[in-house]
Amino acid sequence: MTEDLTVPDERRESQRYKLSVPLTVMVAGREVSAYTRDMSNRGVFFYLAMDDGTLLGRDFEFVAELPPEITLSTCCRIRCQGQAVRTEQISVDMTGVAAKILDYSIVRGPASAP
């Protein structure tokens, strides 16, 4: 059984994958836990606590751990430079962030939760 990981009726240039993976976002000199809703090679949408969302600047850095279903190998951590393009108040205590991925690199070493 295979699961379709693409978002239906997608009109973006790059393919997005519904993917809930942990992120570590660097905000105001500290690391904040978050998780993705979807991701592509050019962008990401993720959720984080409302209090942390207010600290997020336009440019930021984050680390994500990609599962074998995406890498077609083993788990892989990537460090990304991101640029917030939109934020949404999802609930009283949660912010959604849509961001461009400006640059990324593979983090060497054993993959573990960021």
C-alpha atoms as a PDB file:
ATOM      1  CA  MET A   1       0.000   0.000   0.000  1.00  0.00           C
ATOM      2  CA  THR A   2       1.412   3.392  -0.938  1.00  0.00           C
ATOM      3  CA  GLU A   3       0.352   6.777   0.327  1.00  0.00           C
ATOM      4  CA  ASP A   4       0.133   9.789  -1.977  1.00  0.00           C
ATOM      5  CA  LEU A   5       2.323  12.389  -0.272  1.00  0.00           C
ATOM      6  CA  THR A   6       1.559  15.206  -2.719  1.00  0.00           C
ATOM      7  CA  VAL A   7      -0.959  17.941  -2.004  1.00  0.00           C
ATOM      8  CA  PRO A   8      -3.882  17.588  -4.475  1.00  0.00           C
ATOM      9  CA  ASP A   9      -4.682  20.376  -6.952  1.00  0.00           C
ATOM     10  CA  GLU A  10      -1.264  21.894  -6.384  1.00  0.00           C
ATOM     11  CA  ARG A  11      -0.340  24.799  -8.663  1.00  0.00           C
ATOM     12  CA  ARG A  12       3.106  25.556  -7.297  1.00  0.00           C
ATOM     13  CA  GLU A  13       6.201  25.049  -9.429  1.00  0.00           C
ATOM     14  CA  SER A  14       7.759  22.524  -7.062  1.00  0.00           C
ATOM     15  CA  GLN A  15       6.041  19.447  -5.695  1.00  0.00           C
ATOM     16  CA  ARG A  16       4.948  19.682  -2.049  1.00  0.00           C
ATOM     17  CA  TYR A  17       4.794  16.685   0.242  1.00  0.00           C
ATOM     18  CA  LYS A  18       2.435  16.348   3.190  1.00  0.00           C
ATOM     19  CA  LEU A  19       5.024  15.675   5.789  1.00  0.00           C
ATOM     20  CA  SER A  20       4.896  16.026   9.560  1.00  0.00           C
ATOM     21  CA  VAL A  21       8.514  16.039  10.725  1.00  0.00           C
ATOM     22  CA  PRO A  22      10.124  17.744  13.705  1.00  0.00           C
ATOM     23  CA  LEU A  23      11.948  21.041  13.184  1.00  0.00           C
ATOM     24  CA  THR A  24      14.221  23.028  15.409  1.00  0.00           C
ATOM     25  CA  VAL A  25      13.850  26.727  14.607  1.00  0.00           C
ATOM     26  CA  MET A  26      16.457  29.198  15.821  1.00  0.00           C
ATOM     27  CA  VAL A  27      14.488  32.158  17.225  1.00  0.00           C
ATOM     28  CA  ALA A  28      15.917  35.090  19.172  1.00  0.00           C
ATOM     29  CA  GLY A  29      19.071  33.190  20.124  1.00  0.00           C
ATOM     30  CA  ARG A  30      17.299  30.027  21.265  1.00  0.00           C
ATOM     31  CA  GLU A  31      16.096  26.767  19.775  1.00  0.00           C
ATOM     32  CA  VAL A  32      12.334  26.289  19.436  1.00  0.00           C
ATOM     33  CA  SER A  33      10.571  23.015  18.620  1.00  0.00           C
ATOM     34  CA  ALA A  34       8.159  22.999  15.693  1.00  0.00           C
ATOM     35  CA  TYR A  35       6.774  20.535  13.142  1.00  0.00           C
ATOM     36  CA  THR A  36       5.953  20.679   9.455  1.00  0.00           C
ATOM     37  CA  ARG A  37       2.622  20.434   7.646  1.00  0.00           C
ATOM     38  CA  ASP A  38       4.196  20.183   4.202  1.00  0.00           C
ATOM     39  CA  MET A  39       7.528  20.710   2.511  1.00  0.00           C
ATOM     40  CA  SER A  40       9.146  21.020  -0.913  1.00  0.00           C
ATOM     41  CA  ASN A  41      12.673  21.713  -2.105  1.00  0.00           C
ATOM     42  CA  ARG A  42      11.805  25.439  -2.163  1.00  0.00           C
ATOM     43  CA  GLY A  43       9.531  25.949   0.827  1.00  0.00           C
ATOM     44  CA  VAL A  44       8.005  24.710   4.039  1.00  0.00           C
ATOM     45  CA  PHE A  45       4.895  25.300   6.127  1.00  0.00           C
ATOM     46  CA  PHE A  46       5.322  24.591   9.821  1.00  0.00           C
ATOM     47  CA  TYR A  47       3.608  25.066  13.164  1.00  0.00           C
ATOM     48  CA  LEU A  48       5.066  26.460  16.369  1.00  0.00           C
ATOM     49  CA  ALA A  49       3.751  27.876  19.651  1.00  0.00           C
ATOM     50  CA  MET A  50       2.113  31.298  19.336  1.00  0.00           C
ATOM     51  CA  ASP A  51       4.575  32.894  21.785  1.00  0.00           C
ATOM     52  CA  ASP A  52       7.521  31.687  19.679  1.00  0.00           C
ATOM     53  CA  GLY A  53       5.834  32.763  16.425  1.00  0.00           C
ATOM     54  CA  THR A  54       5.855  36.388  17.504  1.00  0.00           C
ATOM     55  CA  LEU A  55       9.657  36.239  17.860  1.00  0.00           C
ATOM     56  CA  LEU A  56      10.244  34.838  14.385  1.00  0.00           C
ATOM     57  CA  GLY A  57      11.966  37.331  12.118  1.00  0.00           C
ATOM     58  CA  ARG A  58      11.734  37.430   8.360  1.00  0.00           C
ATOM     59  CA  ASP A  59      15.005  35.477   7.954  1.00  0.00           C
ATOM     60  CA  PHE A  60      15.755  32.537  10.222  1.00  0.00           C
ATOM     61  CA  GLU A  61      17.464  29.164  10.399  1.00  0.00           C
ATOM     62  CA  PHE A  62      16.002  25.731  11.077  1.00  0.00           C
ATOM     63  CA  VAL A  63      16.992  22.063  11.138  1.00  0.00           C
ATOM     64  CA  ALA A  64      14.666  19.316   9.886  1.00  0.00           C
ATOM     65  CA  GLU A  65      14.968  15.560   9.985  1.00  0.00           C
ATOM     66  CA  LEU A  66      13.749  13.975   6.760  1.00  0.00           C
ATOM     67  CA  PRO A  67      12.447  10.395   6.900  1.00  0.00           C
ATOM     68  CA  PRO A  68      13.563   7.568   4.574  1.00  0.00           C
ATOM     69  CA  GLU A  69      10.325   7.903   2.545  1.00  0.00           C
ATOM     70  CA  ILE A  70      11.570  11.266   1.278  1.00  0.00           C
ATOM     71  CA  THR A  71      15.316  10.639   1.096  1.00  0.00           C
ATOM     72  CA  LEU A  72      14.895   7.118  -0.357  1.00  0.00           C
ATOM     73  CA  SER A  73      17.740   6.126   1.948  1.00  0.00           C
ATOM     74  CA  THR A  74      18.131   6.699   5.684  1.00  0.00           C
ATOM     75  CA  CYS A  75      16.988   9.570   7.885  1.00  0.00           C
ATOM     76  CA  CYS A  76      18.783  12.775   7.002  1.00  0.00           C
ATOM     77  CA  ARG A  77      19.049  16.081   8.878  1.00  0.00           C
ATOM     78  CA  ILE A  78      19.193  19.295   6.883  1.00  0.00           C
ATOM     79  CA  ARG A  79      20.044  22.808   8.076  1.00  0.00           C
ATOM     80  CA  CYS A  80      18.124  25.485   6.195  1.00  0.00           C
ATOM     81  CA  GLN A  81      18.150  29.243   5.834  1.00  0.00           C
ATOM     82  CA  GLY A  82      14.526  30.322   5.586  1.00  0.00           C
ATOM     83  CA  GLN A  83      12.566  33.462   4.883  1.00  0.00           C
ATOM     84  CA  ALA A  84       9.055  33.822   6.316  1.00  0.00           C
ATOM     85  CA  VAL A  85       6.573  34.881   3.655  1.00  0.00           C
ATOM     86  CA  ARG A  86       3.357  34.472   5.638  1.00  0.00           C
ATOM     87  CA  THR A  87       2.169  33.661   9.148  1.00  0.00           C
ATOM     88  CA  GLU A  88      -1.279  32.470  10.200  1.00  0.00           C
ATOM     89  CA  GLN A  89      -2.799  32.303  13.657  1.00  0.00           C
ATOM     90  CA  ILE A  90      -3.947  28.671  13.697  1.00  0.00           C
ATOM     91  CA  SER A  91      -5.325  28.723  17.231  1.00  0.00           C
ATOM     92  CA  VAL A  92      -4.975  30.672  20.444  1.00  0.00           C
ATOM     93  CA  ASP A  93      -1.666  28.943  21.142  1.00  0.00           C
ATOM     94  CA  MET A  94      -0.337  28.051  17.667  1.00  0.00           C
ATOM     95  CA  THR A  95       1.152  29.946  14.698  1.00  0.00           C
ATOM     96  CA  GLY A  96       1.558  28.578  11.183  1.00  0.00           C
ATOM     97  CA  VAL A  97       4.517  29.836   9.130  1.00  0.00           C
ATOM     98  CA  ALA A  98       4.960  29.614   5.364  1.00  0.00           C
ATOM     99  CA  ALA A  99       8.600  30.105   4.398  1.00  0.00           C
ATOM    100  CA  LYS A 100      10.909  29.986   1.405  1.00  0.00           C
ATOM    101  CA  ILE A 101      13.985  27.814   1.739  1.00  0.00           C
ATOM    102  CA  LEU A 102      16.851  30.065   0.633  1.00  0.00           C
ATOM    103  CA  ASP A 103      19.688  27.602   1.146  1.00  0.00           C
ATOM    104  CA  TYR A 104      20.280  24.261   2.822  1.00  0.00           C
ATOM    105  CA  SER A 105      23.042  21.834   3.720  1.00  0.00           C
ATOM    106  CA  ILE A 106      23.131  18.274   4.985  1.00  0.00           C
ATOM    107  CA  VAL A 107      24.067  17.907   8.647  1.00  0.00           C
ATOM    108  CA  ARG A 108      26.702  15.206   9.015  1.00  0.00           C
ATOM    109  CA  GLY A 109      26.594  12.744  11.872  1.00  0.00           C
ATOM    110  CA  PRO A 110      23.933  10.409  13.245  1.00  0.00           C
ATOM    111  CA  ALA A 111      20.347  11.483  12.604  1.00  0.00           C
ATOM    112  CA  SER A 112      18.296  12.041  15.707  1.00  0.00           C
ATOM    113  CA  ALA A 113      15.438  14.283  16.716  1.00  0.00           C
ATOM    114  CA  PRO A 114      16.671  17.895  16.430  1.00  0.00           C
END
